Amino acid sequence: MNTDLISSLLPLVALFAIFYFLIIRPQQKQAKAHKDMVSNLKKGDKIVTNGGLIVEVAKVEETYFVVKNSDNTEMKLMKEFVAKLLEN
């Protein structure tokens, strides 16, 4: 009876392990890399927002950035809406 329980749970455990290594773990690594990138942004860095705008960081605040558009218009951008850093 004990082996029946183990043999019936084994595919479920294997499925969870595959799910973890193929989906959950890479997503966690990507989120950590994004958080590190956002925390290392500084004045003068060019970034792309989630909306597709290319802006330059003018000032770093605790929860947001003050960014400049191409016409030097300043606006506030919440840190979680930074998509990526543009390489110069």
PDB file of N, CA and C in Angstrom:
ATOM      1  N   MET A   1       0.821  -1.192   0.000  1.00  0.00           N
ATOM      2  CA  MET A   1       0.000   0.000   0.000  1.00  0.00           C
ATOM      3  C   MET A   1       0.867   1.258   0.000  1.00  0.00           C
ATOM      4  N   ASN A   2       1.948   1.221   0.722  1.00  0.00           N
ATOM      5  CA  ASN A   2       2.856   2.359   0.785  1.00  0.00           C
ATOM      6  C   ASN A   2       3.503   2.644  -0.570  1.00  0.00           C
ATOM      7  N   THR A   3       3.837   1.610  -1.304  1.00  0.00           N
ATOM      8  CA  THR A   3       4.450   1.792  -2.624  1.00  0.00           C
ATOM      9  C   THR A   3       3.446   2.337  -3.626  1.00  0.00           C
ATOM     10  N   ASP A   4       2.162   2.011  -3.445  1.00  0.00           N
ATOM     11  CA  ASP A   4       1.137   2.561  -4.328  1.00  0.00           C
ATOM     12  C   ASP A   4       1.054   4.077  -4.166  1.00  0.00           C
ATOM     13  N   LEU A   5       1.129   4.535  -2.942  1.00  0.00           N
ATOM     14  CA  LEU A   5       1.083   5.971  -2.668  1.00  0.00           C
ATOM     15  C   LEU A   5       2.300   6.679  -3.260  1.00  0.00           C
ATOM     16  N   ILE A   6       3.471   6.110  -3.078  1.00  0.00           N
ATOM     17  CA  ILE A   6       4.700   6.699  -3.613  1.00  0.00           C
ATOM     18  C   ILE A   6       4.667   6.714  -5.134  1.00  0.00           C
ATOM     19  N   SER A   7       4.251   5.631  -5.742  1.00  0.00           N
ATOM     20  CA  SER A   7       4.225   5.560  -7.205  1.00  0.00           C
ATOM     21  C   SER A   7       3.170   6.486  -7.808  1.00  0.00           C
ATOM     22  N   SER A   8       2.124   6.769  -7.070  1.00  0.00           N
ATOM     23  CA  SER A   8       1.107   7.687  -7.591  1.00  0.00           C
ATOM     24  C   SER A   8       1.520   9.151  -7.399  1.00  0.00           C
ATOM     25  N   LEU A   9       2.330   9.441  -6.390  1.00  0.00           N
ATOM     26  CA  LEU A   9       2.788  10.812  -6.160  1.00  0.00           C
ATOM     27  C   LEU A   9       4.039  11.171  -6.949  1.00  0.00           C
ATOM     28  N   LEU A  10       4.790  10.179  -7.377  1.00  0.00           N
ATOM     29  CA  LEU A  10       6.033  10.428  -8.101  1.00  0.00           C
ATOM     30  C   LEU A  10       5.842  11.251  -9.370  1.00  0.00           C
ATOM     31  N   PRO A  11       4.867  10.959 -10.234  1.00  0.00           N
ATOM     32  CA  PRO A  11       4.680  11.814 -11.424  1.00  0.00           C
ATOM     33  C   PRO A  11       4.314  13.254 -11.066  1.00  0.00           C
ATOM     34  N   LEU A  12       3.553  13.439 -10.009  1.00  0.00           N
ATOM     35  CA  LEU A  12       3.177  14.782  -9.571  1.00  0.00           C
ATOM     36  C   LEU A  12       4.399  15.566  -9.091  1.00  0.00           C
ATOM     37  N   VAL A  13       5.258  14.926  -8.333  1.00  0.00           N
ATOM     38  CA  VAL A  13       6.485  15.552  -7.858  1.00  0.00           C
ATOM     39  C   VAL A  13       7.406  15.882  -9.033  1.00  0.00           C
ATOM     40  N   ALA A  14       7.522  14.973  -9.974  1.00  0.00           N
ATOM     41  CA  ALA A  14       8.355  15.208 -11.154  1.00  0.00           C
ATOM     42  C   ALA A  14       7.812  16.367 -11.979  1.00  0.00           C
ATOM     43  N   LEU A  15       6.509  16.441 -12.131  1.00  0.00           N
ATOM     44  CA  LEU A  15       5.886  17.530 -12.869  1.00  0.00           C
ATOM     45  C   LEU A  15       6.145  18.870 -12.185  1.00  0.00           C
ATOM     46  N   PHE A  16       6.037  18.924 -10.879  1.00  0.00           N
ATOM     47  CA  PHE A  16       6.314  20.153 -10.148  1.00  0.00           C
ATOM     48  C   PHE A  16       7.779  20.561 -10.304  1.00  0.00           C
ATOM     49  N   ALA A  17       8.699  19.608 -10.248  1.00  0.00           N
ATOM     50  CA  ALA A  17      10.126  19.913 -10.406  1.00  0.00           C
ATOM     51  C   ALA A  17      10.404  20.491 -11.793  1.00  0.00           C
ATOM     52  N   ILE A  18       9.820  19.885 -12.810  1.00  0.00           N
ATOM     53  CA  ILE A  18       9.994  20.402 -14.174  1.00  0.00           C
ATOM     54  C   ILE A  18       9.413  21.811 -14.280  1.00  0.00           C
ATOM     55  N   PHE A  19       8.238  22.019 -13.755  1.00  0.00           N
ATOM     56  CA  PHE A  19       7.585  23.328 -13.759  1.00  0.00           C
ATOM     57  C   PHE A  19       8.454  24.367 -13.063  1.00  0.00           C
ATOM     58  N   TYR A  20       9.033  23.992 -11.920  1.00  0.00           N
ATOM     59  CA  TYR A  20       9.876  24.910 -11.165  1.00  0.00           C
ATOM     60  C   TYR A  20      11.107  25.314 -11.975  1.00  0.00           C
ATOM     61  N   PHE A  21      11.823  24.345 -12.534  1.00  0.00           N
ATOM     62  CA  PHE A  21      13.077  24.657 -13.224  1.00  0.00           C
ATOM     63  C   PHE A  21      12.874  25.304 -14.586  1.00  0.00           C
ATOM     64  N   LEU A  22      11.736  25.095 -15.221  1.00  0.00           N
ATOM     65  CA  LEU A  22      11.508  25.684 -16.538  1.00  0.00           C
ATOM     66  C   LEU A  22      10.774  27.019 -16.489  1.00  0.00           C
ATOM     67  N   ILE A  23       9.996  27.265 -15.446  1.00  0.00           N
ATOM     68  CA  ILE A  23       9.186  28.485 -15.419  1.00  0.00           C
ATOM     69  C   ILE A  23       9.489  29.376 -14.217  1.00  0.00           C
ATOM     70  N   ILE A  24       9.383  28.851 -13.022  1.00  0.00           N
ATOM     71  CA  ILE A  24       9.478  29.687 -11.819  1.00  0.00           C
ATOM     72  C   ILE A  24      10.894  30.227 -11.610  1.00  0.00           C
ATOM     73  N   ARG A  25      11.890  29.365 -11.665  1.00  0.00           N
ATOM     74  CA  ARG A  25      13.265  29.782 -11.389  1.00  0.00           C
ATOM     75  C   ARG A  25      13.781  30.816 -12.391  1.00  0.00           C
ATOM     76  N   PRO A  26      13.596  30.628 -13.706  1.00  0.00           N
ATOM     77  CA  PRO A  26      14.053  31.661 -14.643  1.00  0.00           C
ATOM     78  C   PRO A  26      13.333  32.995 -14.446  1.00  0.00           C
ATOM     79  N   GLN A  27      12.059  32.938 -14.082  1.00  0.00           N
ATOM     80  CA  GLN A  27      11.307  34.169 -13.850  1.00  0.00           C
ATOM     81  C   GLN A  27      11.845  34.908 -12.630  1.00  0.00           C
ATOM     82  N   GLN A  28      12.219  34.169 -11.583  1.00  0.00           N
ATOM     83  CA  GLN A  28      12.792  34.789 -10.397  1.00  0.00           C
ATOM     84  C   GLN A  28      14.144  35.420 -10.710  1.00  0.00           C
ATOM     85  N   LYS A  29      14.963  34.737 -11.516  1.00  0.00           N
ATOM     86  CA  LYS A  29      16.266  35.283 -11.897  1.00  0.00           C
ATOM     87  C   LYS A  29      16.101  36.561 -12.713  1.00  0.00           C
ATOM     88  N   GLN A  30      15.128  36.565 -13.625  1.00  0.00           N
ATOM     89  CA  GLN A  30      14.884  37.746 -14.455  1.00  0.00           C
ATOM     90  C   GLN A  30      14.397  38.914 -13.593  1.00  0.00           C
ATOM     91  N   ALA A  31      13.531  38.659 -12.641  1.00  0.00           N
ATOM     92  CA  ALA A  31      13.036  39.717 -11.752  1.00  0.00           C
ATOM     93  C   ALA A  31      14.166  40.284 -10.905  1.00  0.00           C
ATOM     94  N   LYS A  32      15.059  39.436 -10.430  1.00  0.00           N
ATOM     95  CA  LYS A  32      16.191  39.906  -9.636  1.00  0.00           C
ATOM     96  C   LYS A  32      17.136  40.743 -10.491  1.00  0.00           C
ATOM     97  N   ALA A  33      17.400  40.322 -11.717  1.00  0.00           N
ATOM     98  CA  ALA A  33      18.275  41.084 -12.615  1.00  0.00           C
ATOM     99  C   ALA A  33      17.669  42.447 -12.929  1.00  0.00           C
ATOM    100  N   HIS A  34      16.342  42.504 -13.136  1.00  0.00           N
ATOM    101  CA  HIS A  34      15.672  43.779 -13.408  1.00  0.00           C
ATOM    102  C   HIS A  34      15.749  44.693 -12.195  1.00  0.00           C
ATOM    103  N   LYS A  35      15.541  44.142 -11.000  1.00  0.00           N
ATOM    104  CA  LYS A  35      15.604  44.938  -9.774  1.00  0.00           C
ATOM    105  C   LYS A  35      17.009  45.504  -9.577  1.00  0.00           C
ATOM    106  N   ASP A  36      18.039  44.690  -9.831  1.00  0.00           N
ATOM    107  CA  ASP A  36      19.421  45.163  -9.724  1.00  0.00           C
ATOM    108  C   ASP A  36      19.710  46.268 -10.738  1.00  0.00           C
ATOM    109  N   MET A  37      19.223  46.103 -11.972  1.00  0.00           N
ATOM    110  CA  MET A  37      19.432  47.111 -13.008  1.00  0.00           C
ATOM    111  C   MET A  37      18.787  48.432 -12.610  1.00  0.00           C
ATOM    112  N   VAL A  38      17.555  48.388 -12.114  1.00  0.00           N
ATOM    113  CA  VAL A  38      16.843  49.603 -11.716  1.00  0.00           C
ATOM    114  C   VAL A  38      17.543  50.277 -10.532  1.00  0.00           C
ATOM    115  N   SER A  39      18.034  49.495  -9.577  1.00  0.00           N
ATOM    116  CA  SER A  39      18.686  50.089  -8.406  1.00  0.00           C
ATOM    117  C   SER A  39      20.043  50.698  -8.749  1.00  0.00           C
ATOM    118  N   ASN A  40      20.648  50.280  -9.865  1.00  0.00           N
ATOM    119  CA  ASN A  40      21.944  50.828 -10.261  1.00  0.00           C
ATOM    120  C   ASN A  40      21.852  51.972 -11.264  1.00  0.00           C
ATOM    121  N   LEU A  41      20.637  52.399 -11.616  1.00  0.00           N
ATOM    122  CA  LEU A  41      20.501  53.511 -12.553  1.00  0.00           C
ATOM    123  C   LEU A  41      20.950  54.803 -11.888  1.00  0.00           C
ATOM    124  N   LYS A  42      21.554  55.676 -12.684  1.00  0.00           N
ATOM    125  CA  LYS A  42      22.039  56.951 -12.159  1.00  0.00           C
ATOM    126  C   LYS A  42      21.741  58.064 -13.157  1.00  0.00           C
ATOM    127  N   LYS A  43      21.966  59.278 -12.742  1.00  0.00           N
ATOM    128  CA  LYS A  43      21.722  60.446 -13.586  1.00  0.00           C
ATOM    129  C   LYS A  43      22.503  60.313 -14.889  1.00  0.00           C
ATOM    130  N   GLY A  44      21.825  60.586 -15.995  1.00  0.00           N
ATOM    131  CA  GLY A  44      22.466  60.525 -17.306  1.00  0.00           C
ATOM    132  C   GLY A  44      22.238  59.230 -18.057  1.00  0.00           C
ATOM    133  N   ASP A  45      21.755  58.172 -17.377  1.00  0.00           N
ATOM    134  CA  ASP A  45      21.478  56.903 -18.046  1.00  0.00           C
ATOM    135  C   ASP A  45      20.253  57.050 -18.953  1.00  0.00           C
ATOM    136  N   LYS A  46      20.312  56.448 -20.115  1.00  0.00           N
ATOM    137  CA  LYS A  46      19.165  56.436 -21.024  1.00  0.00           C
ATOM    138  C   LYS A  46      18.436  55.110 -20.834  1.00  0.00           C
ATOM    139  N   ILE A  47      17.113  55.217 -20.671  1.00  0.00           N
ATOM    140  CA  ILE A  47      16.295  54.038 -20.412  1.00  0.00           C
ATOM    141  C   ILE A  47      15.106  53.992 -21.356  1.00  0.00           C
ATOM    142  N   VAL A  48      14.519  52.816 -21.463  1.00  0.00           N
ATOM    143  CA  VAL A  48      13.272  52.629 -22.196  1.00  0.00           C
ATOM    144  C   VAL A  48      12.204  52.291 -21.164  1.00  0.00           C
ATOM    145  N   THR A  49      11.057  52.976 -21.258  1.00  0.00           N
ATOM    146  CA  THR A  49       9.964  52.704 -20.332  1.00  0.00           C
ATOM    147  C   THR A  49       9.114  51.561 -20.868  1.00  0.00           C
ATOM    148  N   ASN A  50       8.223  51.036 -20.018  1.00  0.00           N
ATOM    149  CA  ASN A  50       7.311  49.986 -20.467  1.00  0.00           C
ATOM    150  C   ASN A  50       6.394  50.482 -21.575  1.00  0.00           C
ATOM    151  N   GLY A  51       6.176  51.780 -21.656  1.00  0.00           N
ATOM    152  CA  GLY A  51       5.351  52.361 -22.711  1.00  0.00           C
ATOM    153  C   GLY A  51       6.109  52.603 -24.000  1.00  0.00           C
ATOM    154  N   GLY A  52       7.423  52.349 -23.990  1.00  0.00           N
ATOM    155  CA  GLY A  52       8.215  52.505 -25.203  1.00  0.00           C
ATOM    156  C   GLY A  52       8.928  53.829 -25.341  1.00  0.00           C
ATOM    157  N   LEU A  53       8.827  54.707 -24.356  1.00  0.00           N
ATOM    158  CA  LEU A  53       9.514  55.990 -24.426  1.00  0.00           C
ATOM    159  C   LEU A  53      10.994  55.825 -24.114  1.00  0.00           C
ATOM    160  N   ILE A  54      11.822  56.536 -24.847  1.00  0.00           N
ATOM    161  CA  ILE A  54      13.256  56.566 -24.560  1.00  0.00           C
ATOM    162  C   ILE A  54      13.521  57.893 -23.863  1.00  0.00           C
ATOM    163  N   VAL A  55      13.964  57.801 -22.607  1.00  0.00           N
ATOM    164  CA  VAL A  55      14.175  58.995 -21.792  1.00  0.00           C
ATOM    165  C   VAL A  55      15.524  58.911 -21.088  1.00  0.00           C
ATOM    166  N   GLU A  56      15.940  60.037 -20.520  1.00  0.00           N
ATOM    167  CA  GLU A  56      17.198  60.096 -19.786  1.00  0.00           C
ATOM    168  C   GLU A  56      16.905  60.392 -18.322  1.00  0.00           C
ATOM    169  N   VAL A  57      17.568  59.690 -17.433  1.00  0.00           N
ATOM    170  CA  VAL A  57      17.365  59.891 -15.996  1.00  0.00           C
ATOM    171  C   VAL A  57      17.988  61.228 -15.607  1.00  0.00           C
ATOM    172  N   ALA A  58      17.178  62.111 -15.007  1.00  0.00           N
ATOM    173  CA  ALA A  58      17.667  63.407 -14.560  1.00  0.00           C
ATOM    174  C   ALA A  58      17.927  63.414 -13.058  1.00  0.00           C
ATOM    175  N   LYS A  59      17.133  62.639 -12.321  1.00  0.00           N
ATOM    176  CA  LYS A  59      17.273  62.608 -10.863  1.00  0.00           C
ATOM    177  C   LYS A  59      16.720  61.290 -10.349  1.00  0.00           C
ATOM    178  N   VAL A  60      17.388  60.707  -9.367  1.00  0.00           N
ATOM    179  CA  VAL A  60      16.950  59.444  -8.769  1.00  0.00           C
ATOM    180  C   VAL A  60      16.315  59.753  -7.415  1.00  0.00           C
ATOM    181  N   GLU A  61      15.072  59.341  -7.241  1.00  0.00           N
ATOM    182  CA  GLU A  61      14.370  59.474  -5.966  1.00  0.00           C
ATOM    183  C   GLU A  61      14.151  58.072  -5.397  1.00  0.00           C
ATOM    184  N   GLU A  62      13.513  57.998  -4.242  1.00  0.00           N
ATOM    185  CA  GLU A  62      13.338  56.701  -3.587  1.00  0.00           C
ATOM    186  C   GLU A  62      12.407  55.763  -4.351  1.00  0.00           C
ATOM    187  N   THR A  63      11.258  56.269  -4.806  1.00  0.00           N
ATOM    188  CA  THR A  63      10.288  55.410  -5.478  1.00  0.00           C
ATOM    189  C   THR A  63      10.109  55.743  -6.960  1.00  0.00           C
ATOM    190  N   TYR A  64      10.727  56.801  -7.433  1.00  0.00           N
ATOM    191  CA  TYR A  64      10.569  57.189  -8.830  1.00  0.00           C
ATOM    192  C   TYR A  64      11.833  57.871  -9.346  1.00  0.00           C
ATOM    193  N   PHE A  65      11.868  58.052 -10.661  1.00  0.00           N
ATOM    194  CA  PHE A  65      12.928  58.811 -11.317  1.00  0.00           C
ATOM    195  C   PHE A  65      12.313  60.070 -11.899  1.00  0.00           C
ATOM    196  N   VAL A  66      13.069  61.151 -11.905  1.00  0.00           N
ATOM    197  CA  VAL A  66      12.711  62.307 -12.712  1.00  0.00           C
ATOM    198  C   VAL A  66      13.470  62.101 -14.015  1.00  0.00           C
ATOM    199  N   VAL A  67      12.734  62.044 -15.126  1.00  0.00           N
ATOM    200  CA  VAL A  67      13.354  61.757 -16.417  1.00  0.00           C
ATOM    201  C   VAL A  67      13.110  62.907 -17.382  1.00  0.00           C
ATOM    202  N   LYS A  68      14.005  63.024 -18.366  1.00  0.00           N
ATOM    203  CA  LYS A  68      13.883  64.056 -19.392  1.00  0.00           C
ATOM    204  C   LYS A  68      13.583  63.397 -20.722  1.00  0.00           C
ATOM    205  N   ASN A  69      12.615  63.961 -21.423  1.00  0.00           N
ATOM    206  CA  ASN A  69      12.257  63.519 -22.754  1.00  0.00           C
ATOM    207  C   ASN A  69      13.207  64.174 -23.761  1.00  0.00           C
ATOM    208  N   SER A  70      13.059  63.893 -25.042  1.00  0.00           N
ATOM    209  CA  SER A  70      13.957  64.453 -26.058  1.00  0.00           C
ATOM    210  C   SER A  70      13.843  65.974 -26.169  1.00  0.00           C
ATOM    211  N   ASP A  71      12.705  66.547 -25.782  1.00  0.00           N
ATOM    212  CA  ASP A  71      12.551  68.009 -25.819  1.00  0.00           C
ATOM    213  C   ASP A  71      12.829  68.648 -24.452  1.00  0.00           C
ATOM    214  N   ASN A  72      13.549  67.916 -23.588  1.00  0.00           N
ATOM    215  CA  ASN A  72      13.943  68.343 -22.238  1.00  0.00           C
ATOM    216  C   ASN A  72      12.768  68.560 -21.291  1.00  0.00           C
ATOM    217  N   THR A  73      11.610  67.998 -21.599  1.00  0.00           N
ATOM    218  CA  THR A  73      10.480  68.031 -20.680  1.00  0.00           C
ATOM    219  C   THR A  73      10.763  67.025 -19.569  1.00  0.00           C
ATOM    220  N   GLU A  74      10.632  67.486 -18.330  1.00  0.00           N
ATOM    221  CA  GLU A  74      10.864  66.587 -17.197  1.00  0.00           C
ATOM    222  C   GLU A  74       9.550  65.982 -16.733  1.00  0.00           C
ATOM    223  N   MET A  75       9.600  64.707 -16.362  1.00  0.00           N
ATOM    224  CA  MET A  75       8.429  64.021 -15.833  1.00  0.00           C
ATOM    225  C   MET A  75       8.883  62.985 -14.813  1.00  0.00           C
ATOM    226  N   LYS A  76       7.953  62.538 -13.993  1.00  0.00           N
ATOM    227  CA  LYS A  76       8.262  61.513 -12.997  1.00  0.00           C
ATOM    228  C   LYS A  76       7.886  60.151 -13.567  1.00  0.00           C
ATOM    229  N   LEU A  77       8.733  59.167 -13.309  1.00  0.00           N
ATOM    230  CA  LEU A  77       8.503  57.804 -13.763  1.00  0.00           C
ATOM    231  C   LEU A  77       8.696  56.876 -12.574  1.00  0.00           C
ATOM    232  N   MET A  78       7.669  56.083 -12.272  1.00  0.00           N
ATOM    233  CA  MET A  78       7.783  55.111 -11.190  1.00  0.00           C
ATOM    234  C   MET A  78       8.837  54.075 -11.571  1.00  0.00           C
ATOM    235  N   LYS A  79       9.621  53.645 -10.603  1.00  0.00           N
ATOM    236  CA  LYS A  79      10.738  52.735 -10.866  1.00  0.00           C
ATOM    237  C   LYS A  79      10.300  51.414 -11.499  1.00  0.00           C
ATOM    238  N   GLU A  80       9.112  50.929 -11.159  1.00  0.00           N
ATOM    239  CA  GLU A  80       8.695  49.637 -11.705  1.00  0.00           C
ATOM    240  C   GLU A  80       8.321  49.701 -13.191  1.00  0.00           C
ATOM    241  N   PHE A  81       8.261  50.901 -13.779  1.00  0.00           N
ATOM    242  CA  PHE A  81       7.920  51.037 -15.189  1.00  0.00           C
ATOM    243  C   PHE A  81       9.143  51.202 -16.088  1.00  0.00           C
ATOM    244  N   VAL A  82      10.326  50.949 -15.559  1.00  0.00           N
ATOM    245  CA  VAL A  82      11.542  50.942 -16.373  1.00  0.00           C
ATOM    246  C   VAL A  82      11.643  49.579 -17.034  1.00  0.00           C
ATOM    247  N   ALA A  83      11.705  49.565 -18.364  1.00  0.00           N
ATOM    248  CA  ALA A  83      11.794  48.286 -19.075  1.00  0.00           C
ATOM    249  C   ALA A  83      13.237  47.835 -19.206  1.00  0.00           C
ATOM    250  N   LYS A  84      14.104  48.732 -19.676  1.00  0.00           N
ATOM    251  CA  LYS A  84      15.512  48.336 -19.840  1.00  0.00           C
ATOM    252  C   LYS A  84      16.397  49.556 -19.957  1.00  0.00           C
ATOM    253  N   LEU A  85      17.671  49.312 -19.766  1.00  0.00           N
ATOM    254  CA  LEU A  85      18.706  50.326 -19.889  1.00  0.00           C
ATOM    255  C   LEU A  85      19.235  50.285 -21.316  1.00  0.00           C
ATOM    256  N   LEU A  86      19.343  51.451 -21.942  1.00  0.00           N
ATOM    257  CA  LEU A  86      19.910  51.511 -23.291  1.00  0.00           C
ATOM    258  C   LEU A  86      21.417  51.553 -23.186  1.00  0.00           C
ATOM    259  N   GLU A  87      22.074  50.703 -23.930  1.00  0.00           N
ATOM    260  CA  GLU A  87      23.540  50.700 -23.954  1.00  0.00           C
ATOM    261  C   GLU A  87      24.002  51.785 -24.911  1.00  0.00           C
ATOM    262  N   ASN A  88      24.942  52.587 -24.461  1.00  0.00           N
ATOM    263  CA  ASN A  88      25.434  53.686 -25.312  1.00  0.00           C
ATOM    264  C   ASN A  88      26.494  53.230 -26.256  1.00  0.00           C
TER     265      ASN A  88
END
